[in-house]
Amino acid sequence: MFYVYVIQDDLERFYIGYTSDLKRRMDDHNRGSNRSTRGRSWRLVYYEAYVTRASAMRRERVLKGDGRSRRHLMERIRFMLSAAEEPFIGGERQTGE
């Protein structure tokens, strides 16, 4: 399996990449092995799985090169992150109304 992933730092900046080993790659990012992500603490916020390396590379290229695709994905991620922070009581989301 190959993965296209999105990580986020403490300043809420995002980085997109691909790998065949998510755990090792996250360790690399947080250890400072990647020049683009060095010096910050990162957390995995999203990933997609692909059967072939070529498919993962193609998807990464689309996300990095096509502003509309990237913007759409970032909106989805921000929505998921904000929804995850809202409290649940009795299985129902509290809307604050």
PDB file of N, CA and C in Angstrom:
ATOM      1  N   MET A   1       0.837  -1.192   0.000  1.00  0.00           N
ATOM      2  CA  MET A   1       0.000   0.000   0.000  1.00  0.00           C
ATOM      3  C   MET A   1       0.873   1.244   0.000  1.00  0.00           C
ATOM      4  N   PHE A   2       0.361   2.278  -0.641  1.00  0.00           N
ATOM      5  CA  PHE A   2       1.015   3.582  -0.665  1.00  0.00           C
ATOM      6  C   PHE A   2      -0.001   4.607  -0.190  1.00  0.00           C
ATOM      7  N   TYR A   3       0.484   5.638   0.451  1.00  0.00           N
ATOM      8  CA  TYR A   3      -0.394   6.609   1.074  1.00  0.00           C
ATOM      9  C   TYR A   3      -0.041   8.021   0.636  1.00  0.00           C
ATOM     10  N   VAL A   4      -1.080   8.810   0.377  1.00  0.00           N
ATOM     11  CA  VAL A   4      -0.947  10.249   0.235  1.00  0.00           C
ATOM     12  C   VAL A   4      -1.443  10.794   1.563  1.00  0.00           C
ATOM     13  N   TYR A   5      -0.643  11.646   2.182  1.00  0.00           N
ATOM     14  CA  TYR A   5      -0.991  12.096   3.527  1.00  0.00           C
ATOM     15  C   TYR A   5      -0.894  13.612   3.631  1.00  0.00           C
ATOM     16  N   VAL A   6      -1.596  14.121   4.641  1.00  0.00           N
ATOM     17  CA  VAL A   6      -1.525  15.536   4.968  1.00  0.00           C
ATOM     18  C   VAL A   6      -1.197  15.617   6.453  1.00  0.00           C
ATOM     19  N   ILE A   7      -0.158  16.408   6.762  1.00  0.00           N
ATOM     20  CA  ILE A   7       0.205  16.632   8.151  1.00  0.00           C
ATOM     21  C   ILE A   7       0.047  18.112   8.458  1.00  0.00           C
ATOM     22  N   GLN A   8      -0.118  18.409   9.740  1.00  0.00           N
ATOM     23  CA  GLN A   8      -0.338  19.794  10.176  1.00  0.00           C
ATOM     24  C   GLN A   8       0.610  20.095  11.326  1.00  0.00           C
ATOM     25  N   ASP A   9       1.177  21.302  11.338  1.00  0.00           N
ATOM     26  CA  ASP A   9       2.055  21.689  12.438  1.00  0.00           C
ATOM     27  C   ASP A   9       1.281  22.506  13.467  1.00  0.00           C
ATOM     28  N   ASP A  10       1.986  22.952  14.500  1.00  0.00           N
ATOM     29  CA  ASP A  10       1.350  23.707  15.584  1.00  0.00           C
ATOM     30  C   ASP A  10       0.802  25.056  15.133  1.00  0.00           C
ATOM     31  N   LEU A  11       1.343  25.595  14.040  1.00  0.00           N
ATOM     32  CA  LEU A  11       0.874  26.869  13.513  1.00  0.00           C
ATOM     33  C   LEU A  11      -0.234  26.688  12.479  1.00  0.00           C
ATOM     34  N   GLU A  12      -0.736  25.468  12.386  1.00  0.00           N
ATOM     35  CA  GLU A  12      -1.815  25.083  11.481  1.00  0.00           C
ATOM     36  C   GLU A  12      -1.418  25.186  10.006  1.00  0.00           C
ATOM     37  N   ARG A  13      -0.128  24.995   9.714  1.00  0.00           N
ATOM     38  CA  ARG A  13       0.324  24.889   8.331  1.00  0.00           C
ATOM     39  C   ARG A  13       0.263  23.426   7.934  1.00  0.00           C
ATOM     40  N   PHE A  14       0.038  23.180   6.643  1.00  0.00           N
ATOM     41  CA  PHE A  14      -0.116  21.825   6.145  1.00  0.00           C
ATOM     42  C   PHE A  14       1.033  21.441   5.217  1.00  0.00           C
ATOM     43  N   TYR A  15       1.295  20.145   5.137  1.00  0.00           N
ATOM     44  CA  TYR A  15       2.273  19.591   4.213  1.00  0.00           C
ATOM     45  C   TYR A  15       1.655  18.337   3.602  1.00  0.00           C
ATOM     46  N   ILE A  16       1.798  18.158   2.300  1.00  0.00           N
ATOM     47  CA  ILE A  16       1.268  16.993   1.589  1.00  0.00           C
ATOM     48  C   ILE A  16       2.438  16.159   1.086  1.00  0.00           C
ATOM     49  N   GLY A  17       2.332  14.842   1.238  1.00  0.00           N
ATOM     50  CA  GLY A  17       3.373  13.944   0.744  1.00  0.00           C
ATOM     51  C   GLY A  17       2.807  12.575   0.448  1.00  0.00           C
ATOM     52  N   TYR A  18       3.691  11.659   0.034  1.00  0.00           N
ATOM     53  CA  TYR A  18       3.270  10.270  -0.160  1.00  0.00           C
ATOM     54  C   TYR A  18       4.358   9.355   0.377  1.00  0.00           C
ATOM     55  N   THR A  19       3.962   8.145   0.763  1.00  0.00           N
ATOM     56  CA  THR A  19       4.897   7.187   1.345  1.00  0.00           C
ATOM     57  C   THR A  19       4.294   5.787   1.314  1.00  0.00           C
ATOM     58  N   SER A  20       5.128   4.799   1.554  1.00  0.00           N
ATOM     59  CA  SER A  20       4.638   3.431   1.704  1.00  0.00           C
ATOM     60  C   SER A  20       4.586   3.039   3.183  1.00  0.00           C
ATOM     61  N   ASP A  21       5.105   3.886   4.077  1.00  0.00           N
ATOM     62  CA  ASP A  21       5.150   3.590   5.509  1.00  0.00           C
ATOM     63  C   ASP A  21       4.846   4.873   6.293  1.00  0.00           C
ATOM     64  N   LEU A  22       3.583   5.040   6.668  1.00  0.00           N
ATOM     65  CA  LEU A  22       3.159   6.274   7.339  1.00  0.00           C
ATOM     66  C   LEU A  22       3.862   6.494   8.671  1.00  0.00           C
ATOM     67  N   LYS A  23       3.980   5.445   9.472  1.00  0.00           N
ATOM     68  CA  LYS A  23       4.606   5.597  10.787  1.00  0.00           C
ATOM     69  C   LYS A  23       6.057   6.058  10.657  1.00  0.00           C
ATOM     70  N   ARG A  24       6.811   5.417   9.790  1.00  0.00           N
ATOM     71  CA  ARG A  24       8.211   5.802   9.597  1.00  0.00           C
ATOM     72  C   ARG A  24       8.312   7.230   9.071  1.00  0.00           C
ATOM     73  N   ARG A  25       7.429   7.571   8.142  1.00  0.00           N
ATOM     74  CA  ARG A  25       7.473   8.905   7.532  1.00  0.00           C
ATOM     75  C   ARG A  25       7.135   9.986   8.550  1.00  0.00           C
ATOM     76  N   MET A  26       6.164   9.723   9.430  1.00  0.00           N
ATOM     77  CA  MET A  26       5.841  10.685  10.484  1.00  0.00           C
ATOM     78  C   MET A  26       7.032  10.863  11.421  1.00  0.00           C
ATOM     79  N   ASP A  27       7.691   9.767  11.756  1.00  0.00           N
ATOM     80  CA  ASP A  27       8.897   9.856  12.583  1.00  0.00           C
ATOM     81  C   ASP A  27       9.955  10.702  11.888  1.00  0.00           C
ATOM     82  N   ASP A  28      10.122  10.510  10.578  1.00  0.00           N
ATOM     83  CA  ASP A  28      11.089  11.302   9.803  1.00  0.00           C
ATOM     84  C   ASP A  28      10.763  12.795   9.878  1.00  0.00           C
ATOM     85  N   HIS A  29       9.496  13.136   9.688  1.00  0.00           N
ATOM     86  CA  HIS A  29       9.091  14.549   9.725  1.00  0.00           C
ATOM     87  C   HIS A  29       9.366  15.155  11.103  1.00  0.00           C
ATOM     88  N   ASN A  30       9.003  14.449  12.153  1.00  0.00           N
ATOM     89  CA  ASN A  30       9.150  14.987  13.498  1.00  0.00           C
ATOM     90  C   ASN A  30      10.593  14.960  13.993  1.00  0.00           C
ATOM     91  N   ARG A  31      11.426  14.153  13.381  1.00  0.00           N
ATOM     92  CA  ARG A  31      12.841  14.090  13.723  1.00  0.00           C
ATOM     93  C   ARG A  31      13.649  15.142  12.969  1.00  0.00           C
ATOM     94  N   GLY A  32      13.045  15.746  11.948  1.00  0.00           N
ATOM     95  CA  GLY A  32      13.727  16.781  11.175  1.00  0.00           C
ATOM     96  C   GLY A  32      14.482  16.246   9.972  1.00  0.00           C
ATOM     97  N   SER A  33      14.150  15.044   9.512  1.00  0.00           N
ATOM     98  CA  SER A  33      14.833  14.441   8.361  1.00  0.00           C
ATOM     99  C   SER A  33      14.420  15.055   7.029  1.00  0.00           C
ATOM    100  N   ASN A  34      13.322  15.771   7.001  1.00  0.00           N
ATOM    101  CA  ASN A  34      12.836  16.407   5.781  1.00  0.00           C
ATOM    102  C   ASN A  34      13.064  17.915   5.900  1.00  0.00           C
ATOM    103  N   ARG A  35      13.799  18.483   4.952  1.00  0.00           N
ATOM    104  CA  ARG A  35      14.130  19.907   5.018  1.00  0.00           C
ATOM    105  C   ARG A  35      12.880  20.786   5.024  1.00  0.00           C
ATOM    106  N   SER A  36      11.845  20.400   4.304  1.00  0.00           N
ATOM    107  CA  SER A  36      10.624  21.211   4.219  1.00  0.00           C
ATOM    108  C   SER A  36       9.843  21.257   5.522  1.00  0.00           C
ATOM    109  N   THR A  37       9.999  20.256   6.372  1.00  0.00           N
ATOM    110  CA  THR A  37       9.198  20.195   7.597  1.00  0.00           C
ATOM    111  C   THR A  37      10.057  20.258   8.855  1.00  0.00           C
ATOM    112  N   ARG A  38      11.316  20.541   8.712  1.00  0.00           N
ATOM    113  CA  ARG A  38      12.265  20.567   9.831  1.00  0.00           C
ATOM    114  C   ARG A  38      11.920  21.664  10.831  1.00  0.00           C
ATOM    115  N   GLY A  39      12.128  21.359  12.107  1.00  0.00           N
ATOM    116  CA  GLY A  39      11.998  22.367  13.152  1.00  0.00           C
ATOM    117  C   GLY A  39      10.603  22.557  13.711  1.00  0.00           C
ATOM    118  N   ARG A  40       9.671  21.720  13.302  1.00  0.00           N
ATOM    119  CA  ARG A  40       8.298  21.843  13.809  1.00  0.00           C
ATOM    120  C   ARG A  40       7.779  20.474  14.218  1.00  0.00           C
ATOM    121  N   SER A  41       6.766  20.475  15.023  1.00  0.00           N
ATOM    122  CA  SER A  41       6.100  19.246  15.439  1.00  0.00           C
ATOM    123  C   SER A  41       4.883  19.035  14.540  1.00  0.00           C
ATOM    124  N   TRP A  42       4.736  17.835  13.990  1.00  0.00           N
ATOM    125  CA  TRP A  42       3.672  17.546  13.024  1.00  0.00           C
ATOM    126  C   TRP A  42       2.750  16.454  13.529  1.00  0.00           C
ATOM    127  N   ARG A  43       1.495  16.526  13.079  1.00  0.00           N
ATOM    128  CA  ARG A  43       0.531  15.453  13.362  1.00  0.00           C
ATOM    129  C   ARG A  43      -0.180  15.092  12.068  1.00  0.00           C
ATOM    130  N   LEU A  44      -0.480  13.822  11.928  1.00  0.00           N
ATOM    131  CA  LEU A  44      -1.192  13.318  10.753  1.00  0.00           C
ATOM    132  C   LEU A  44      -2.653  13.694  10.887  1.00  0.00           C
ATOM    133  N   VAL A  45      -3.208  14.378   9.870  1.00  0.00           N
ATOM    134  CA  VAL A  45      -4.616  14.788   9.929  1.00  0.00           C
ATOM    135  C   VAL A  45      -5.464  14.136   8.840  1.00  0.00           C
ATOM    136  N   TYR A  46      -4.800  13.523   7.823  1.00  0.00           N
ATOM    137  CA  TYR A  46      -5.569  12.937   6.725  1.00  0.00           C
ATOM    138  C   TYR A  46      -4.661  12.035   5.904  1.00  0.00           C
ATOM    139  N   TYR A  47      -5.228  10.936   5.403  1.00  0.00           N
ATOM    140  CA  TYR A  47      -4.491  10.125   4.432  1.00  0.00           C
ATOM    141  C   TYR A  47      -5.443   9.366   3.531  1.00  0.00           C
ATOM    142  N   GLU A  48      -4.942   9.008   2.351  1.00  0.00           N
ATOM    143  CA  GLU A  48      -5.660   8.192   1.377  1.00  0.00           C
ATOM    144  C   GLU A  48      -4.738   7.031   1.022  1.00  0.00           C
ATOM    145  N   ALA A  49      -5.294   5.834   0.847  1.00  0.00           N
ATOM    146  CA  ALA A  49      -4.502   4.643   0.515  1.00  0.00           C
ATOM    147  C   ALA A  49      -4.648   4.310  -0.971  1.00  0.00           C
ATOM    148  N   TYR A  50      -3.532   3.908  -1.574  1.00  0.00           N
ATOM    149  CA  TYR A  50      -3.482   3.524  -2.988  1.00  0.00           C
ATOM    150  C   TYR A  50      -2.731   2.210  -3.127  1.00  0.00           C
ATOM    151  N   VAL A  51      -3.120   1.420  -4.115  1.00  0.00           N
ATOM    152  CA  VAL A  51      -2.497   0.122  -4.349  1.00  0.00           C
ATOM    153  C   VAL A  51      -1.124   0.280  -4.998  1.00  0.00           C
ATOM    154  N   THR A  52      -0.981   1.240  -5.888  1.00  0.00           N
ATOM    155  CA  THR A  52       0.284   1.398  -6.595  1.00  0.00           C
ATOM    156  C   THR A  52       0.971   2.716  -6.244  1.00  0.00           C
ATOM    157  N   ARG A  53       2.279   2.689  -6.327  1.00  0.00           N
ATOM    158  CA  ARG A  53       3.088   3.885  -6.094  1.00  0.00           C
ATOM    159  C   ARG A  53       2.734   4.972  -7.110  1.00  0.00           C
ATOM    160  N   ALA A  54       2.544   4.581  -8.357  1.00  0.00           N
ATOM    161  CA  ALA A  54       2.222   5.542  -9.411  1.00  0.00           C
ATOM    162  C   ALA A  54       0.921   6.282  -9.111  1.00  0.00           C
ATOM    163  N   SER A  55      -0.075   5.569  -8.593  1.00  0.00           N
ATOM    164  CA  SER A  55      -1.357   6.213  -8.258  1.00  0.00           C
ATOM    165  C   SER A  55      -1.181   7.228  -7.141  1.00  0.00           C
ATOM    166  N   ALA A  56      -0.418   6.861  -6.128  1.00  0.00           N
ATOM    167  CA  ALA A  56      -0.176   7.775  -5.007  1.00  0.00           C
ATOM    168  C   ALA A  56       0.596   9.004  -5.476  1.00  0.00           C
ATOM    169  N   MET A  57       1.603   8.797  -6.312  1.00  0.00           N
ATOM    170  CA  MET A  57       2.391   9.918  -6.828  1.00  0.00           C
ATOM    171  C   MET A  57       1.536  10.852  -7.674  1.00  0.00           C
ATOM    172  N   ARG A  58       0.654  10.267  -8.464  1.00  0.00           N
ATOM    173  CA  ARG A  58      -0.228  11.064  -9.326  1.00  0.00           C
ATOM    174  C   ARG A  58      -1.161  11.932  -8.468  1.00  0.00           C
ATOM    175  N   ARG A  59      -1.730  11.334  -7.423  1.00  0.00           N
ATOM    176  CA  ARG A  59      -2.637  12.070  -6.538  1.00  0.00           C
ATOM    177  C   ARG A  59      -1.889  13.190  -5.801  1.00  0.00           C
ATOM    178  N   GLU A  60      -0.679  12.892  -5.324  1.00  0.00           N
ATOM    179  CA  GLU A  60       0.117  13.914  -4.647  1.00  0.00           C
ATOM    180  C   GLU A  60       0.395  15.076  -5.599  1.00  0.00           C
ATOM    181  N   ARG A  61       0.750  14.757  -6.824  1.00  0.00           N
ATOM    182  CA  ARG A  61       1.045  15.784  -7.824  1.00  0.00           C
ATOM    183  C   ARG A  61      -0.182  16.667  -8.084  1.00  0.00           C
ATOM    184  N   VAL A  62      -1.355  16.036  -8.162  1.00  0.00           N
ATOM    185  CA  VAL A  62      -2.595  16.799  -8.366  1.00  0.00           C
ATOM    186  C   VAL A  62      -2.822  17.747  -7.189  1.00  0.00           C
ATOM    187  N   LEU A  63      -2.683  17.231  -5.963  1.00  0.00           N
ATOM    188  CA  LEU A  63      -2.936  18.068  -4.791  1.00  0.00           C
ATOM    189  C   LEU A  63      -1.938  19.212  -4.657  1.00  0.00           C
ATOM    190  N   LYS A  64      -0.703  18.972  -5.030  1.00  0.00           N
ATOM    191  CA  LYS A  64       0.303  20.020  -4.922  1.00  0.00           C
ATOM    192  C   LYS A  64       0.244  21.013  -6.082  1.00  0.00           C
ATOM    193  N   GLY A  65      -0.259  20.570  -7.224  1.00  0.00           N
ATOM    194  CA  GLY A  65      -0.230  21.424  -8.404  1.00  0.00           C
ATOM    195  C   GLY A  65      -1.533  22.079  -8.791  1.00  0.00           C
ATOM    196  N   ASP A  66      -2.643  21.535  -8.338  1.00  0.00           N
ATOM    197  CA  ASP A  66      -3.958  22.062  -8.720  1.00  0.00           C
ATOM    198  C   ASP A  66      -4.584  22.754  -7.517  1.00  0.00           C
ATOM    199  N   GLY A  67      -4.646  24.075  -7.577  1.00  0.00           N
ATOM    200  CA  GLY A  67      -5.155  24.865  -6.457  1.00  0.00           C
ATOM    201  C   GLY A  67      -6.570  24.507  -6.046  1.00  0.00           C
ATOM    202  N   ARG A  68      -7.418  24.207  -7.020  1.00  0.00           N
ATOM    203  CA  ARG A  68      -8.808  23.885  -6.705  1.00  0.00           C
ATOM    204  C   ARG A  68      -8.902  22.565  -5.930  1.00  0.00           C
ATOM    205  N   SER A  69      -8.162  21.545  -6.369  1.00  0.00           N
ATOM    206  CA  SER A  69      -8.177  20.251  -5.676  1.00  0.00           C
ATOM    207  C   SER A  69      -7.625  20.381  -4.268  1.00  0.00           C
ATOM    208  N   ARG A  70      -6.526  21.112  -4.142  1.00  0.00           N
ATOM    209  CA  ARG A  70      -5.909  21.310  -2.831  1.00  0.00           C
ATOM    210  C   ARG A  70      -6.856  22.080  -1.909  1.00  0.00           C
ATOM    211  N   ARG A  71      -7.451  23.153  -2.412  1.00  0.00           N
ATOM    212  CA  ARG A  71      -8.369  23.968  -1.609  1.00  0.00           C
ATOM    213  C   ARG A  71      -9.559  23.132  -1.131  1.00  0.00           C
ATOM    214  N   HIS A  72     -10.107  22.302  -2.027  1.00  0.00           N
ATOM    215  CA  HIS A  72     -11.234  21.448  -1.660  1.00  0.00           C
ATOM    216  C   HIS A  72     -10.834  20.474  -0.542  1.00  0.00           C
ATOM    217  N   LEU A  73      -9.677  19.853  -0.671  1.00  0.00           N
ATOM    218  CA  LEU A  73      -9.211  18.915   0.357  1.00  0.00           C
ATOM    219  C   LEU A  73      -8.969  19.636   1.678  1.00  0.00           C
ATOM    220  N   MET A  74      -8.343  20.803   1.637  1.00  0.00           N
ATOM    221  CA  MET A  74      -8.076  21.555   2.873  1.00  0.00           C
ATOM    222  C   MET A  74      -9.374  21.958   3.567  1.00  0.00           C
ATOM    223  N   GLU A  75     -10.388  22.312   2.789  1.00  0.00           N
ATOM    224  CA  GLU A  75     -11.694  22.639   3.379  1.00  0.00           C
ATOM    225  C   GLU A  75     -12.287  21.423   4.072  1.00  0.00           C
ATOM    226  N   ARG A  76     -12.183  20.251   3.431  1.00  0.00           N
ATOM    227  CA  ARG A  76     -12.689  19.013   4.043  1.00  0.00           C
ATOM    228  C   ARG A  76     -11.948  18.708   5.334  1.00  0.00           C
ATOM    229  N   ILE A  77     -10.633  18.856   5.307  1.00  0.00           N
ATOM    230  CA  ILE A  77      -9.828  18.564   6.497  1.00  0.00           C
ATOM    231  C   ILE A  77     -10.171  19.531   7.624  1.00  0.00           C
ATOM    232  N   ARG A  78     -10.251  20.814   7.319  1.00  0.00           N
ATOM    233  CA  ARG A  78     -10.597  21.800   8.356  1.00  0.00           C
ATOM    234  C   ARG A  78     -11.979  21.531   8.942  1.00  0.00           C
ATOM    235  N   PHE A  79     -12.929  21.123   8.080  1.00  0.00           N
ATOM    236  CA  PHE A  79     -14.266  20.784   8.564  1.00  0.00           C
ATOM    237  C   PHE A  79     -14.205  19.575   9.499  1.00  0.00           C
ATOM    238  N   MET A  80     -13.470  18.534   9.088  1.00  0.00           N
ATOM    239  CA  MET A  80     -13.354  17.331   9.923  1.00  0.00           C
ATOM    240  C   MET A  80     -12.693  17.654  11.260  1.00  0.00           C
ATOM    241  N   LEU A  81     -11.646  18.481  11.238  1.00  0.00           N
ATOM    242  CA  LEU A  81     -10.957  18.835  12.476  1.00  0.00           C
ATOM    243  C   LEU A  81     -11.846  19.653  13.396  1.00  0.00           C
ATOM    244  N   SER A  82     -12.613  20.595  12.837  1.00  0.00           N
ATOM    245  CA  SER A  82     -13.491  21.405  13.682  1.00  0.00           C
ATOM    246  C   SER A  82     -14.643  20.564  14.223  1.00  0.00           C
ATOM    247  N   ALA A  83     -15.170  19.638  13.436  1.00  0.00           N
ATOM    248  CA  ALA A  83     -16.254  18.772  13.898  1.00  0.00           C
ATOM    249  C   ALA A  83     -15.766  17.829  14.995  1.00  0.00           C
ATOM    250  N   ALA A  84     -14.513  17.410  14.909  1.00  0.00           N
ATOM    251  CA  ALA A  84     -13.955  16.503  15.907  1.00  0.00           C
ATOM    252  C   ALA A  84     -13.759  17.198  17.245  1.00  0.00           C
ATOM    253  N   GLU A  85     -13.629  18.509  17.251  1.00  0.00           N
ATOM    254  CA  GLU A  85     -13.417  19.255  18.490  1.00  0.00           C
ATOM    255  C   GLU A  85     -14.712  19.579  19.215  1.00  0.00           C
ATOM    256  N   GLU A  86     -15.859  19.454  18.537  1.00  0.00           N
ATOM    257  CA  GLU A  86     -17.135  19.754  19.164  1.00  0.00           C
ATOM    258  C   GLU A  86     -17.524  18.614  20.100  1.00  0.00           C
ATOM    259  N   PRO A  87     -18.062  18.942  21.269  1.00  0.00           N
ATOM    260  CA  PRO A  87     -18.425  17.902  22.233  1.00  0.00           C
ATOM    261  C   PRO A  87     -19.670  17.113  21.805  1.00  0.00           C
ATOM    262  N   PHE A  88     -19.698  15.856  22.187  1.00  0.00           N
ATOM    263  CA  PHE A  88     -20.857  14.995  21.966  1.00  0.00           C
ATOM    264  C   PHE A  88     -21.426  14.623  23.327  1.00  0.00           C
ATOM    265  N   ILE A  89     -22.747  14.727  23.453  1.00  0.00           N
ATOM    266  CA  ILE A  89     -23.411  14.324  24.682  1.00  0.00           C
ATOM    267  C   ILE A  89     -24.541  13.396  24.298  1.00  0.00           C
ATOM    268  N   GLY A  90     -24.505  12.180  24.809  1.00  0.00           N
ATOM    269  CA  GLY A  90     -25.551  11.209  24.503  1.00  0.00           C
ATOM    270  C   GLY A  90     -25.611  10.845  23.033  1.00  0.00           C
ATOM    271  N   GLY A  91     -24.493  10.949  22.345  1.00  0.00           N
ATOM    272  CA  GLY A  91     -24.448  10.581  20.942  1.00  0.00           C
ATOM    273  C   GLY A  91     -24.946  11.659  19.993  1.00  0.00           C
ATOM    274  N   GLU A  92     -25.353  12.803  20.541  1.00  0.00           N
ATOM    275  CA  GLU A  92     -25.829  13.886  19.688  1.00  0.00           C
ATOM    276  C   GLU A  92     -24.903  15.094  19.824  1.00  0.00           C
ATOM    277  N   ARG A  93     -24.634  15.728  18.708  1.00  0.00           N
ATOM    278  CA  ARG A  93     -23.749  16.897  18.703  1.00  0.00           C
ATOM    279  C   ARG A  93     -24.484  18.088  19.305  1.00  0.00           C
ATOM    280  N   GLN A  94     -23.801  18.829  20.155  1.00  0.00           N
ATOM    281  CA  GLN A  94     -24.351  20.048  20.738  1.00  0.00           C
ATOM    282  C   GLN A  94     -24.037  21.209  19.808  1.00  0.00           C
ATOM    283  N   THR A  95     -25.060  21.915  19.358  1.00  0.00           N
ATOM    284  CA  THR A  95     -24.875  22.980  18.392  1.00  0.00           C
ATOM    285  C   THR A  95     -24.678  24.348  19.039  1.00  0.00           C
ATOM    286  N   GLY A  96     -24.910  24.447  20.320  1.00  0.00           N
ATOM    287  CA  GLY A  96     -24.739  25.729  20.991  1.00  0.00           C
ATOM    288  C   GLY A  96     -25.929  26.637  20.862  1.00  0.00           C
ATOM    289  N   GLU A  97     -27.022  26.126  20.357  1.00  0.00           N
ATOM    290  CA  GLU A  97     -28.227  26.953  20.201  1.00  0.00           C
ATOM    291  C   GLU A  97     -29.057  26.913  21.443  1.00  0.00           C
TER     292      GLU A  97
END
